[in-house]
Amino acid sequence: MFSLKNRVAVVTGASSGLGLQMARGFAEQGADLVIMARRMDRLEAIAADFRAKGTRCLPIRCDVTSTEDVNKAAEAVIKEYGKVDILVNNAGAAKNAGVLDMTDEDWNFTMDADLTSVFKVTRAFANHMVEKKYGRIINIASIYGQVGNTAMDTVAYHSSKGGVINFTRAVAAELAKYNITCNTISPGYFETELTIDTLTTDAFTQFMKVSVPMGRYGHDGELNPAAIFLASDEASYITGQNIKVDGGYTSV
């Protein structure tokens, strides 16, 4: 079960963190890869490592907020592989502030990076999935897309990730007739390049210990099983869902 052999998997934000971890998970299941991010030097080094281990891998520099970049990336994937089977919308960024202090510029930056980009990438790649009558779209949201929090003020991030979750439901309903599923994964607290400075502070560590029932942050690779499952043929009747990989954070 859960073989991804002969499947083409596109992962955005794949130069580090959860995106790179999921790409490795897909490769271990036999998928051919497309890794996308803005740092081409990182992508080329990662792609070389995948190829050395026997995995086909196409690195593409792409700013997911740019319609031109996204559409060119989709064209490059089709030229290289002839299809796209799996799309993981993982790339994102945020400016943190509360509702009283957030500027228009920081709000718009976060919405563009975390929500509008998901729309643009999904539109570009789903059009090719429709042609083949097959697709698995996985959007990476967050536990913060379902709840507020008292640890830090980040109103735009909460809003954008909540939008991703309902965007997923809308796309799932629209594309089901084409044999395309669309689901969300909402990670909890994982230590990555982008989060480690915050998560390792004493204050946030104490907050985690009282708010996460498992009493720890997510480990490298612990998001992969959910992504592999949703990307598989076996998940063909699951669409519009939101799987929370959060150590129980949203259960209390």
C-alpha atoms as a PDB file:
ATOM      1  CA  MET A   1       0.000   0.000   0.000  1.00  0.00           C
ATOM      2  CA  PHE A   2       0.844   3.695  -0.424  1.00  0.00           C
ATOM      3  CA  SER A   3       3.297   3.219  -3.282  1.00  0.00           C
ATOM      4  CA  LEU A   4       3.863   6.407  -5.280  1.00  0.00           C
ATOM      5  CA  LYS A   5       5.895   4.754  -8.034  1.00  0.00           C
ATOM      6  CA  ASN A   6       5.396   6.422 -11.434  1.00  0.00           C
ATOM      7  CA  ARG A   7       3.674   9.381  -9.776  1.00  0.00           C
ATOM      8  CA  VAL A   8       4.974  12.930 -10.239  1.00  0.00           C
ATOM      9  CA  ALA A   9       4.915  14.959  -7.038  1.00  0.00           C
ATOM     10  CA  VAL A  10       5.332  18.745  -6.977  1.00  0.00           C
ATOM     11  CA  VAL A  11       6.256  20.318  -3.641  1.00  0.00           C
ATOM     12  CA  THR A  12       6.491  24.078  -3.148  1.00  0.00           C
ATOM     13  CA  GLY A  13       8.693  25.529  -0.438  1.00  0.00           C
ATOM     14  CA  ALA A  14      10.882  22.459  -0.778  1.00  0.00           C
ATOM     15  CA  SER A  15      14.300  23.981  -0.110  1.00  0.00           C
ATOM     16  CA  SER A  16      14.055  23.364   3.646  1.00  0.00           C
ATOM     17  CA  GLY A  17      11.787  22.425   6.531  1.00  0.00           C
ATOM     18  CA  LEU A  18       8.540  20.550   6.125  1.00  0.00           C
ATOM     19  CA  GLY A  19       8.569  20.841   2.328  1.00  0.00           C
ATOM     20  CA  LEU A  20      11.919  19.092   2.060  1.00  0.00           C
ATOM     21  CA  GLN A  21      10.842  16.476   4.583  1.00  0.00           C
ATOM     22  CA  MET A  22       7.710  15.658   2.567  1.00  0.00           C
ATOM     23  CA  ALA A  23       9.703  15.502  -0.672  1.00  0.00           C
ATOM     24  CA  ARG A  24      11.978  12.938   0.962  1.00  0.00           C
ATOM     25  CA  GLY A  25       8.948  10.987   2.122  1.00  0.00           C
ATOM     26  CA  PHE A  26       7.519  10.898  -1.396  1.00  0.00           C
ATOM     27  CA  ALA A  27      10.873   9.833  -2.839  1.00  0.00           C
ATOM     28  CA  GLU A  28      11.047   6.930  -0.406  1.00  0.00           C
ATOM     29  CA  GLN A  29       7.676   5.769  -1.767  1.00  0.00           C
ATOM     30  CA  GLY A  30       8.998   5.864  -5.340  1.00  0.00           C
ATOM     31  CA  ALA A  31       7.690   9.198  -6.642  1.00  0.00           C
ATOM     32  CA  ASP A  32       9.406  11.380  -9.219  1.00  0.00           C
ATOM     33  CA  LEU A  33       9.905  14.855  -7.777  1.00  0.00           C
ATOM     34  CA  VAL A  34       9.568  18.504  -8.649  1.00  0.00           C
ATOM     35  CA  ILE A  35      10.946  20.745  -5.926  1.00  0.00           C
ATOM     36  CA  MET A  36      10.112  24.446  -6.042  1.00  0.00           C
ATOM     37  CA  ALA A  37      11.341  27.416  -4.014  1.00  0.00           C
ATOM     38  CA  ARG A  38      13.096  30.761  -4.487  1.00  0.00           C
ATOM     39  CA  ARG A  39      16.600  29.586  -3.500  1.00  0.00           C
ATOM     40  CA  MET A  40      17.848  27.845  -6.634  1.00  0.00           C
ATOM     41  CA  ASP A  41      21.263  27.062  -5.175  1.00  0.00           C
ATOM     42  CA  ARG A  42      19.618  25.096  -2.374  1.00  0.00           C
ATOM     43  CA  LEU A  43      17.266  23.351  -4.782  1.00  0.00           C
ATOM     44  CA  GLU A  44      20.080  22.269  -7.100  1.00  0.00           C
ATOM     45  CA  ALA A  45      22.060  20.772  -4.231  1.00  0.00           C
ATOM     46  CA  ILE A  46      18.981  18.947  -2.943  1.00  0.00           C
ATOM     47  CA  ALA A  47      18.120  17.697  -6.439  1.00  0.00           C
ATOM     48  CA  ALA A  48      21.645  16.364  -6.898  1.00  0.00           C
ATOM     49  CA  ASP A  49      21.301  14.424  -3.650  1.00  0.00           C
ATOM     50  CA  PHE A  50      17.975  12.931  -4.742  1.00  0.00           C
ATOM     51  CA  ARG A  51      19.391  11.926  -8.124  1.00  0.00           C
ATOM     52  CA  ALA A  52      22.391  10.294  -6.485  1.00  0.00           C
ATOM     53  CA  LYS A  53      19.939   8.107  -4.593  1.00  0.00           C
ATOM     54  CA  GLY A  54      18.047   7.138  -7.765  1.00  0.00           C
ATOM     55  CA  THR A  55      15.124   9.599  -7.649  1.00  0.00           C
ATOM     56  CA  ARG A  56      14.243  11.736 -10.652  1.00  0.00           C
ATOM     57  CA  CYS A  57      14.108  15.330  -9.476  1.00  0.00           C
ATOM     58  CA  LEU A  58      13.450  18.611 -11.261  1.00  0.00           C
ATOM     59  CA  PRO A  59      14.347  21.795  -9.347  1.00  0.00           C
ATOM     60  CA  ILE A  60      12.452  24.947 -10.345  1.00  0.00           C
ATOM     61  CA  ARG A  61      13.015  28.434  -9.009  1.00  0.00           C
ATOM     62  CA  CYS A  62       9.571  29.878  -8.349  1.00  0.00           C
ATOM     63  CA  ASP A  63       8.108  32.765  -6.390  1.00  0.00           C
ATOM     64  CA  VAL A  64       4.642  31.379  -5.664  1.00  0.00           C
ATOM     65  CA  THR A  65       3.205  34.898  -5.362  1.00  0.00           C
ATOM     66  CA  SER A  66       4.079  35.544  -9.023  1.00  0.00           C
ATOM     67  CA  THR A  67       1.490  34.372 -11.535  1.00  0.00           C
ATOM     68  CA  GLU A  68       4.141  34.380 -14.280  1.00  0.00           C
ATOM     69  CA  ASP A  69       6.566  32.267 -12.236  1.00  0.00           C
ATOM     70  CA  VAL A  70       3.848  29.786 -11.277  1.00  0.00           C
ATOM     71  CA  ASN A  71       2.537  29.336 -14.816  1.00  0.00           C
ATOM     72  CA  LYS A  72       6.066  28.880 -16.191  1.00  0.00           C
ATOM     73  CA  ALA A  73       6.752  26.288 -13.497  1.00  0.00           C
ATOM     74  CA  ALA A  74       3.672  24.298 -14.479  1.00  0.00           C
ATOM     75  CA  GLU A  75       4.743  24.381 -18.118  1.00  0.00           C
ATOM     76  CA  ALA A  76       8.243  23.177 -17.182  1.00  0.00           C
ATOM     77  CA  VAL A  77       6.834  20.251 -15.228  1.00  0.00           C
ATOM     78  CA  ILE A  78       4.630  19.147 -18.119  1.00  0.00           C
ATOM     79  CA  LYS A  79       7.548  19.472 -20.537  1.00  0.00           C
ATOM     80  CA  GLU A  80       9.746  17.300 -18.284  1.00  0.00           C
ATOM     81  CA  TYR A  81       7.264  14.677 -17.087  1.00  0.00           C
ATOM     82  CA  GLY A  82       4.146  15.039 -19.233  1.00  0.00           C
ATOM     83  CA  LYS A  83       1.878  15.156 -16.193  1.00  0.00           C
ATOM     84  CA  VAL A  84       1.514  16.100 -12.558  1.00  0.00           C
ATOM     85  CA  ASP A  85      -0.156  13.708 -10.130  1.00  0.00           C
ATOM     86  CA  ILE A  86       0.481  15.206  -6.702  1.00  0.00           C
ATOM     87  CA  LEU A  87       0.703  18.850  -5.682  1.00  0.00           C
ATOM     88  CA  VAL A  88       1.710  19.998  -2.214  1.00  0.00           C
ATOM     89  CA  ASN A  89       1.151  23.698  -1.531  1.00  0.00           C
ATOM     90  CA  ASN A  90       3.630  24.164   1.274  1.00  0.00           C
ATOM     91  CA  ALA A  91       5.385  27.475   0.565  1.00  0.00           C
ATOM     92  CA  GLY A  92       4.500  30.425   2.747  1.00  0.00           C
ATOM     93  CA  ALA A  93       5.668  33.329   4.877  1.00  0.00           C
ATOM     94  CA  ALA A  94       4.122  35.682   7.391  1.00  0.00           C
ATOM     95  CA  LYS A  95       4.459  39.063   9.041  1.00  0.00           C
ATOM     96  CA  ASN A  96       3.406  38.804  12.668  1.00  0.00           C
ATOM     97  CA  ALA A  97       1.331  41.427  14.456  1.00  0.00           C
ATOM     98  CA  GLY A  98      -2.044  41.764  16.132  1.00  0.00           C
ATOM     99  CA  VAL A  99      -5.155  43.404  14.747  1.00  0.00           C
ATOM    100  CA  LEU A 100      -4.421  46.687  16.535  1.00  0.00           C
ATOM    101  CA  ASP A 101      -0.964  47.131  15.062  1.00  0.00           C
ATOM    102  CA  MET A 102      -0.795  45.266  11.743  1.00  0.00           C
ATOM    103  CA  THR A 103      -0.168  47.435   8.703  1.00  0.00           C
ATOM    104  CA  ASP A 104      -1.913  47.049   5.377  1.00  0.00           C
ATOM    105  CA  GLU A 105       1.420  46.107   3.809  1.00  0.00           C
ATOM    106  CA  ASP A 106       2.129  43.313   6.284  1.00  0.00           C
ATOM    107  CA  TRP A 107      -1.446  42.000   6.021  1.00  0.00           C
ATOM    108  CA  ASN A 108      -1.252  41.917   2.217  1.00  0.00           C
ATOM    109  CA  PHE A 109       2.203  40.292   2.292  1.00  0.00           C
ATOM    110  CA  THR A 110       0.917  37.446   4.467  1.00  0.00           C
ATOM    111  CA  MET A 111      -2.250  36.934   2.446  1.00  0.00           C
ATOM    112  CA  ASP A 112      -0.299  36.855  -0.811  1.00  0.00           C
ATOM    113  CA  ALA A 113       2.282  34.406   0.549  1.00  0.00           C
ATOM    114  CA  ASP A 114      -0.032  32.058   2.427  1.00  0.00           C
ATOM    115  CA  LEU A 115      -3.416  32.148   0.671  1.00  0.00           C
ATOM    116  CA  THR A 116      -3.330  33.794  -2.751  1.00  0.00           C
ATOM    117  CA  SER A 117      -0.252  31.747  -3.676  1.00  0.00           C
ATOM    118  CA  VAL A 118      -2.160  28.536  -2.930  1.00  0.00           C
ATOM    119  CA  PHE A 119      -4.864  29.657  -5.333  1.00  0.00           C
ATOM    120  CA  LYS A 120      -2.354  30.532  -8.066  1.00  0.00           C
ATOM    121  CA  VAL A 121      -0.386  27.295  -7.824  1.00  0.00           C
ATOM    122  CA  THR A 122      -3.503  25.150  -7.594  1.00  0.00           C
ATOM    123  CA  ARG A 123      -5.047  26.845 -10.623  1.00  0.00           C
ATOM    124  CA  ALA A 124      -1.930  26.313 -12.730  1.00  0.00           C
ATOM    125  CA  PHE A 125      -1.385  22.654 -11.886  1.00  0.00           C
ATOM    126  CA  ALA A 126      -5.014  21.536 -11.514  1.00  0.00           C
ATOM    127  CA  ASN A 127      -5.681  22.452 -15.127  1.00  0.00           C
ATOM    128  CA  HIS A 128      -3.163  19.769 -16.131  1.00  0.00           C
ATOM    129  CA  MET A 129      -4.620  17.282 -13.636  1.00  0.00           C
ATOM    130  CA  VAL A 130      -8.037  17.754 -15.234  1.00  0.00           C
ATOM    131  CA  GLU A 131      -6.619  16.648 -18.584  1.00  0.00           C
ATOM    132  CA  LYS A 132      -5.477  13.343 -17.077  1.00  0.00           C
ATOM    133  CA  LYS A 133      -8.552  12.918 -14.838  1.00  0.00           C
ATOM    134  CA  TYR A 134      -6.326  12.324 -11.826  1.00  0.00           C
ATOM    135  CA  GLY A 135      -4.867  14.399  -9.070  1.00  0.00           C
ATOM    136  CA  ARG A 136      -3.988  14.677  -5.396  1.00  0.00           C
ATOM    137  CA  ILE A 137      -3.786  18.246  -4.059  1.00  0.00           C
ATOM    138  CA  ILE A 138      -2.515  18.701  -0.504  1.00  0.00           C
ATOM    139  CA  ASN A 139      -2.545  22.150   1.065  1.00  0.00           C
ATOM    140  CA  ILE A 140      -0.461  22.841   4.156  1.00  0.00           C
ATOM    141  CA  ALA A 141      -2.398  25.040   6.568  1.00  0.00           C
ATOM    142  CA  SER A 142      -1.806  25.243  10.329  1.00  0.00           C
ATOM    143  CA  ILE A 143      -3.436  24.656  13.673  1.00  0.00           C
ATOM    144  CA  TYR A 144      -3.595  28.464  13.728  1.00  0.00           C
ATOM    145  CA  GLY A 145      -6.087  28.278  10.870  1.00  0.00           C
ATOM    146  CA  GLN A 146      -8.644  26.852  13.306  1.00  0.00           C
ATOM    147  CA  VAL A 147      -7.964  28.566  16.613  1.00  0.00           C
ATOM    148  CA  GLY A 148      -6.599  31.790  18.032  1.00  0.00           C
ATOM    149  CA  ASN A 149      -3.662  31.801  20.420  1.00  0.00           C
ATOM    150  CA  THR A 150      -2.314  33.642  23.431  1.00  0.00           C
ATOM    151  CA  ALA A 151       1.396  33.013  22.787  1.00  0.00           C
ATOM    152  CA  MET A 152       1.901  35.550  20.006  1.00  0.00           C
ATOM    153  CA  ASP A 153      -0.110  38.046  17.955  1.00  0.00           C
ATOM    154  CA  THR A 154      -0.312  36.948  14.320  1.00  0.00           C
ATOM    155  CA  VAL A 155      -3.773  37.829  13.051  1.00  0.00           C
ATOM    156  CA  ALA A 156      -2.971  37.704   9.328  1.00  0.00           C
ATOM    157  CA  TYR A 157      -1.439  34.240   9.615  1.00  0.00           C
ATOM    158  CA  HIS A 158      -4.507  32.937  11.471  1.00  0.00           C
ATOM    159  CA  SER A 159      -6.709  34.434   8.769  1.00  0.00           C
ATOM    160  CA  SER A 160      -4.708  33.193   5.797  1.00  0.00           C
ATOM    161  CA  LYS A 161      -4.497  29.629   7.079  1.00  0.00           C
ATOM    162  CA  GLY A 162      -8.192  29.590   7.890  1.00  0.00           C
ATOM    163  CA  GLY A 163      -8.734  30.645   4.296  1.00  0.00           C
ATOM    164  CA  VAL A 164      -6.580  27.768   3.046  1.00  0.00           C
ATOM    165  CA  ILE A 165      -8.761  25.273   4.910  1.00  0.00           C
ATOM    166  CA  ASN A 166     -11.981  26.503   3.328  1.00  0.00           C
ATOM    167  CA  PHE A 167     -10.306  27.004  -0.047  1.00  0.00           C
ATOM    168  CA  THR A 168      -9.516  23.292   0.166  1.00  0.00           C
ATOM    169  CA  ARG A 169     -13.172  22.412   0.696  1.00  0.00           C
ATOM    170  CA  ALA A 170     -14.242  24.554  -2.257  1.00  0.00           C
ATOM    171  CA  VAL A 171     -11.651  22.999  -4.573  1.00  0.00           C
ATOM    172  CA  ALA A 172     -12.522  19.496  -3.356  1.00  0.00           C
ATOM    173  CA  ALA A 173     -16.166  20.036  -4.251  1.00  0.00           C
ATOM    174  CA  GLU A 174     -15.352  21.593  -7.624  1.00  0.00           C
ATOM    175  CA  LEU A 175     -12.789  19.079  -8.849  1.00  0.00           C
ATOM    176  CA  ALA A 176     -14.210  15.798  -7.523  1.00  0.00           C
ATOM    177  CA  LYS A 177     -15.841  15.111 -10.886  1.00  0.00           C
ATOM    178  CA  TYR A 178     -12.367  14.996 -12.431  1.00  0.00           C
ATOM    179  CA  ASN A 179     -11.095  12.347  -9.999  1.00  0.00           C
ATOM    180  CA  ILE A 180      -9.029  14.993  -8.204  1.00  0.00           C
ATOM    181  CA  THR A 181      -8.962  15.113  -4.416  1.00  0.00           C
ATOM    182  CA  CYS A 182      -7.999  18.134  -2.369  1.00  0.00           C
ATOM    183  CA  ASN A 183      -7.181  17.924   1.331  1.00  0.00           C
ATOM    184  CA  THR A 184      -5.445  19.941   4.002  1.00  0.00           C
ATOM    185  CA  ILE A 185      -2.789  19.049   6.540  1.00  0.00           C
ATOM    186  CA  SER A 186      -2.610  21.348   9.554  1.00  0.00           C
ATOM    187  CA  PRO A 187       0.725  20.956  11.329  1.00  0.00           C
ATOM    188  CA  GLY A 188       1.224  21.868  14.938  1.00  0.00           C
ATOM    189  CA  TYR A 189       4.540  23.036  16.305  1.00  0.00           C
ATOM    190  CA  PHE A 190       7.431  21.617  14.278  1.00  0.00           C
ATOM    191  CA  GLU A 191      11.026  22.775  14.623  1.00  0.00           C
ATOM    192  CA  THR A 192      12.162  24.027  11.217  1.00  0.00           C
ATOM    193  CA  GLU A 193      14.551  26.635   9.888  1.00  0.00           C
ATOM    194  CA  LEU A 194      11.762  29.240  10.071  1.00  0.00           C
ATOM    195  CA  THR A 195      10.377  28.382  13.507  1.00  0.00           C
ATOM    196  CA  ILE A 196      13.286  27.230  15.623  1.00  0.00           C
ATOM    197  CA  ASP A 197      14.222  30.683  16.957  1.00  0.00           C
ATOM    198  CA  THR A 198      10.709  31.137  18.348  1.00  0.00           C
ATOM    199  CA  LEU A 199      10.058  27.593  19.498  1.00  0.00           C
ATOM    200  CA  THR A 200      13.269  27.243  21.442  1.00  0.00           C
ATOM    201  CA  THR A 201      12.661  30.276  23.662  1.00  0.00           C
ATOM    202  CA  ASP A 202      11.899  29.457  27.289  1.00  0.00           C
ATOM    203  CA  ALA A 203       8.547  31.223  27.114  1.00  0.00           C
ATOM    204  CA  PHE A 204       7.319  29.317  24.071  1.00  0.00           C
ATOM    205  CA  THR A 205       8.657  26.010  25.353  1.00  0.00           C
ATOM    206  CA  GLN A 206       6.640  26.476  28.539  1.00  0.00           C
ATOM    207  CA  PHE A 207       3.561  27.395  26.490  1.00  0.00           C
ATOM    208  CA  MET A 208       3.991  24.230  24.418  1.00  0.00           C
ATOM    209  CA  LYS A 209       4.273  22.022  27.467  1.00  0.00           C
ATOM    210  CA  VAL A 210       0.906  23.180  28.804  1.00  0.00           C
ATOM    211  CA  SER A 211      -0.896  23.364  25.437  1.00  0.00           C
ATOM    212  CA  VAL A 212       0.308  20.250  23.566  1.00  0.00           C
ATOM    213  CA  PRO A 213      -0.912  17.035  25.227  1.00  0.00           C
ATOM    214  CA  MET A 214       2.074  15.059  23.940  1.00  0.00           C
ATOM    215  CA  GLY A 215       4.359  17.599  25.596  1.00  0.00           C
ATOM    216  CA  ARG A 216       6.802  18.055  22.715  1.00  0.00           C
ATOM    217  CA  TYR A 217       7.298  19.562  19.293  1.00  0.00           C
ATOM    218  CA  GLY A 218       6.887  17.523  16.119  1.00  0.00           C
ATOM    219  CA  HIS A 219       9.965  15.635  14.955  1.00  0.00           C
ATOM    220  CA  ASP A 220      11.567  15.571  11.516  1.00  0.00           C
ATOM    221  CA  GLY A 221       9.464  13.341   9.252  1.00  0.00           C
ATOM    222  CA  GLU A 222       6.373  13.104  11.457  1.00  0.00           C
ATOM    223  CA  LEU A 223       4.296  15.019   8.893  1.00  0.00           C
ATOM    224  CA  ASN A 224       5.257  12.623   6.099  1.00  0.00           C
ATOM    225  CA  PRO A 225       2.789   9.790   6.826  1.00  0.00           C
ATOM    226  CA  ALA A 226      -0.200  12.119   6.456  1.00  0.00           C
ATOM    227  CA  ALA A 227       1.158  13.527   3.196  1.00  0.00           C
ATOM    228  CA  ILE A 228       1.974  10.088   1.789  1.00  0.00           C
ATOM    229  CA  PHE A 229      -1.471   8.786   2.730  1.00  0.00           C
ATOM    230  CA  LEU A 230      -3.333  11.688   1.106  1.00  0.00           C
ATOM    231  CA  ALA A 231      -1.111  11.445  -1.998  1.00  0.00           C
ATOM    232  CA  SER A 232      -1.801   7.752  -2.477  1.00  0.00           C
ATOM    233  CA  ASP A 233      -4.283   5.904  -4.660  1.00  0.00           C
ATOM    234  CA  GLU A 234      -5.700   4.377  -1.490  1.00  0.00           C
ATOM    235  CA  ALA A 235      -7.010   7.804  -0.389  1.00  0.00           C
ATOM    236  CA  SER A 236      -9.230   8.060  -3.460  1.00  0.00           C
ATOM    237  CA  TYR A 237     -12.485   8.597  -1.484  1.00  0.00           C
ATOM    238  CA  ILE A 238     -11.095  11.186   0.920  1.00  0.00           C
ATOM    239  CA  THR A 239     -11.478  14.786  -0.153  1.00  0.00           C
ATOM    240  CA  GLY A 240     -12.176  18.144   1.460  1.00  0.00           C
ATOM    241  CA  GLN A 241     -10.708  16.984   4.765  1.00  0.00           C
ATOM    242  CA  ASN A 242      -8.321  18.598   7.217  1.00  0.00           C
ATOM    243  CA  ILE A 243      -5.883  16.328   9.044  1.00  0.00           C
ATOM    244  CA  LYS A 244      -4.297  17.908  12.109  1.00  0.00           C
ATOM    245  CA  VAL A 245      -0.799  16.651  12.931  1.00  0.00           C
ATOM    246  CA  ASP A 246      -0.372  18.564  16.160  1.00  0.00           C
ATOM    247  CA  GLY A 247       0.348  16.284  19.110  1.00  0.00           C
ATOM    248  CA  GLY A 248      -3.204  16.892  20.306  1.00  0.00           C
ATOM    249  CA  TYR A 249      -3.051  20.704  20.444  1.00  0.00           C
ATOM    250  CA  THR A 250      -6.493  21.195  18.883  1.00  0.00           C
ATOM    251  CA  SER A 251      -8.101  18.459  20.987  1.00  0.00           C
ATOM    252  CA  VAL A 252      -8.064  20.492  24.224  1.00  0.00           C
END
